[in-house]
Amino acid sequence: MTIEPAGELQPGETLTVRSTCVYALSDSVGGIPGSLTVNSQFSSMVDPNRSLG
């Protein structure tokens, strides 16, 4: 699994996290060769009233 945060961790800024996970099909589907790659992304605003210090 790879996780890539992007953006500033500052109050009121938008933080985006992207993740990628590669599954070997042979581990779960009984020996089928190959892999499955799953990507996801989520963005959220850092609470503007949050103290980060």
N, C-alpha and C. Protein backbone atom coordinates (compact mmCIF):
# COMPACT_ATOMS: atom_id res chain seq x y z
N MET A 1 0.84 -1.16 0.00
CA MET A 1 0.00 0.00 0.00
C MET A 1 0.89 1.23 0.00
N THR A 2 0.53 2.18 -0.82
CA THR A 2 1.22 3.46 -0.88
C THR A 2 0.23 4.56 -0.52
N ILE A 3 0.63 5.46 0.37
CA ILE A 3 -0.22 6.58 0.76
C ILE A 3 0.54 7.86 0.48
N GLU A 4 -0.09 8.78 -0.26
CA GLU A 4 0.55 10.03 -0.65
C GLU A 4 -0.29 11.22 -0.17
N PRO A 5 0.10 11.87 0.93
CA PRO A 5 -0.61 13.08 1.32
C PRO A 5 -0.16 14.26 0.46
N ALA A 6 -1.08 15.17 0.15
CA ALA A 6 -0.74 16.35 -0.65
C ALA A 6 -1.50 17.54 -0.09
N GLY A 7 -0.82 18.64 0.05
CA GLY A 7 -1.45 19.85 0.57
C GLY A 7 -0.78 20.28 1.86
N GLU A 8 -1.22 21.40 2.37
CA GLU A 8 -0.66 21.96 3.59
C GLU A 8 -1.49 21.55 4.79
N LEU A 9 -0.83 21.13 5.86
CA LEU A 9 -1.52 20.79 7.10
C LEU A 9 -1.63 22.07 7.93
N GLN A 10 -2.47 22.96 7.44
CA GLN A 10 -2.71 24.25 8.09
C GLN A 10 -4.21 24.45 8.22
N PRO A 11 -4.67 25.11 9.28
CA PRO A 11 -6.10 25.37 9.44
C PRO A 11 -6.69 26.05 8.20
N GLY A 12 -7.82 25.52 7.72
CA GLY A 12 -8.51 26.08 6.57
C GLY A 12 -8.02 25.60 5.22
N GLU A 13 -6.88 24.91 5.16
CA GLU A 13 -6.34 24.39 3.90
C GLU A 13 -6.97 23.04 3.58
N THR A 14 -6.94 22.67 2.30
CA THR A 14 -7.45 21.37 1.88
C THR A 14 -6.30 20.37 1.85
N LEU A 15 -6.52 19.22 2.47
CA LEU A 15 -5.54 18.14 2.49
C LEU A 15 -6.13 16.98 1.69
N THR A 16 -5.35 16.46 0.74
CA THR A 16 -5.78 15.34 -0.09
C THR A 16 -4.87 14.16 0.19
N VAL A 17 -5.47 12.99 0.33
CA VAL A 17 -4.70 11.76 0.53
C VAL A 17 -5.06 10.81 -0.60
N ARG A 18 -4.03 10.31 -1.28
CA ARG A 18 -4.21 9.31 -2.33
C ARG A 18 -3.58 8.01 -1.85
N SER A 19 -4.26 6.90 -2.09
CA SER A 19 -3.69 5.61 -1.72
C SER A 19 -3.80 4.65 -2.89
N THR A 20 -2.81 3.78 -2.97
CA THR A 20 -2.77 2.74 -3.99
C THR A 20 -2.42 1.43 -3.31
N CYS A 21 -3.15 0.39 -3.63
CA CYS A 21 -2.87 -0.92 -3.07
C CYS A 21 -2.89 -1.94 -4.20
N VAL A 22 -1.87 -2.79 -4.26
CA VAL A 22 -1.78 -3.82 -5.28
C VAL A 22 -1.99 -5.18 -4.61
N TYR A 23 -2.98 -5.92 -5.10
CA TYR A 23 -3.29 -7.24 -4.57
C TYR A 23 -2.85 -8.30 -5.56
N ALA A 24 -2.12 -9.29 -5.08
CA ALA A 24 -1.75 -10.44 -5.91
C ALA A 24 -2.96 -11.36 -5.97
N LEU A 25 -3.48 -11.62 -7.17
CA LEU A 25 -4.65 -12.48 -7.29
C LEU A 25 -4.37 -13.90 -6.83
N SER A 26 -3.13 -14.33 -6.93
CA SER A 26 -2.80 -15.70 -6.50
C SER A 26 -2.98 -15.88 -5.00
N ASP A 27 -2.97 -14.79 -4.24
CA ASP A 27 -3.16 -14.88 -2.79
C ASP A 27 -4.62 -15.09 -2.40
N SER A 28 -5.56 -14.70 -3.27
CA SER A 28 -6.96 -14.74 -2.86
C SER A 28 -7.89 -15.50 -3.80
N VAL A 29 -7.49 -15.73 -5.03
CA VAL A 29 -8.40 -16.35 -5.99
C VAL A 29 -7.88 -17.71 -6.44
N GLY A 30 -7.12 -18.36 -5.60
CA GLY A 30 -6.70 -19.73 -5.88
C GLY A 30 -5.72 -19.92 -7.02
N GLY A 31 -4.67 -19.13 -7.05
CA GLY A 31 -3.59 -19.37 -8.00
C GLY A 31 -3.71 -18.67 -9.34
N ILE A 32 -4.65 -17.78 -9.51
CA ILE A 32 -4.76 -17.05 -10.77
C ILE A 32 -3.59 -16.07 -10.85
N PRO A 33 -2.86 -16.07 -11.96
CA PRO A 33 -1.74 -15.13 -12.08
C PRO A 33 -2.24 -13.69 -12.28
N GLY A 34 -1.40 -12.76 -11.91
CA GLY A 34 -1.72 -11.35 -12.12
C GLY A 34 -1.98 -10.61 -10.82
N SER A 35 -2.36 -9.36 -10.97
CA SER A 35 -2.62 -8.54 -9.79
C SER A 35 -3.76 -7.57 -10.09
N LEU A 36 -4.29 -7.01 -9.03
CA LEU A 36 -5.36 -6.02 -9.11
C LEU A 36 -4.88 -4.78 -8.37
N THR A 37 -4.92 -3.63 -9.03
CA THR A 37 -4.51 -2.37 -8.41
C THR A 37 -5.75 -1.55 -8.09
N VAL A 38 -5.85 -1.10 -6.84
CA VAL A 38 -6.99 -0.30 -6.39
C VAL A 38 -6.46 1.07 -5.96
N ASN A 39 -7.07 2.13 -6.50
CA ASN A 39 -6.69 3.50 -6.19
C ASN A 39 -7.86 4.20 -5.50
N SER A 40 -7.53 5.10 -4.58
CA SER A 40 -8.57 5.88 -3.91
C SER A 40 -8.00 7.25 -3.59
N GLN A 41 -8.90 8.23 -3.49
CA GLN A 41 -8.49 9.60 -3.15
C GLN A 41 -9.57 10.24 -2.31
N PHE A 42 -9.16 11.01 -1.30
CA PHE A 42 -10.10 11.72 -0.45
C PHE A 42 -9.52 13.08 -0.11
N SER A 43 -10.34 14.11 -0.17
CA SER A 43 -9.92 15.46 0.19
C SER A 43 -10.83 16.01 1.28
N SER A 44 -10.24 16.76 2.19
CA SER A 44 -11.01 17.38 3.27
C SER A 44 -10.30 18.64 3.72
N MET A 45 -11.08 19.60 4.18
CA MET A 45 -10.50 20.83 4.70
C MET A 45 -10.08 20.60 6.15
N VAL A 46 -8.87 21.07 6.49
CA VAL A 46 -8.41 21.02 7.86
C VAL A 46 -9.23 22.03 8.66
N ASP A 47 -9.75 21.62 9.81
CA ASP A 47 -10.60 22.46 10.64
C ASP A 47 -9.96 23.84 10.84
N PRO A 48 -10.64 24.90 10.41
CA PRO A 48 -10.04 26.24 10.51
C PRO A 48 -9.86 26.70 11.96
N ASN A 49 -10.52 26.05 12.89
CA ASN A 49 -10.40 26.44 14.31
C ASN A 49 -9.44 25.55 15.08
N ARG A 50 -8.79 24.62 14.38
CA ARG A 50 -7.90 23.68 15.04
C ARG A 50 -6.53 24.30 15.30
N SER A 51 -5.99 24.04 16.48
CA SER A 51 -4.64 24.46 16.82
C SER A 51 -3.71 23.32 16.49
N LEU A 52 -2.71 23.56 15.63
CA LEU A 52 -1.79 22.51 15.22
C LEU A 52 -0.50 22.50 16.02
N GLY A 53 -0.34 23.41 16.93
CA GLY A 53 0.91 23.54 17.66
C GLY A 53 0.82 22.97 19.01
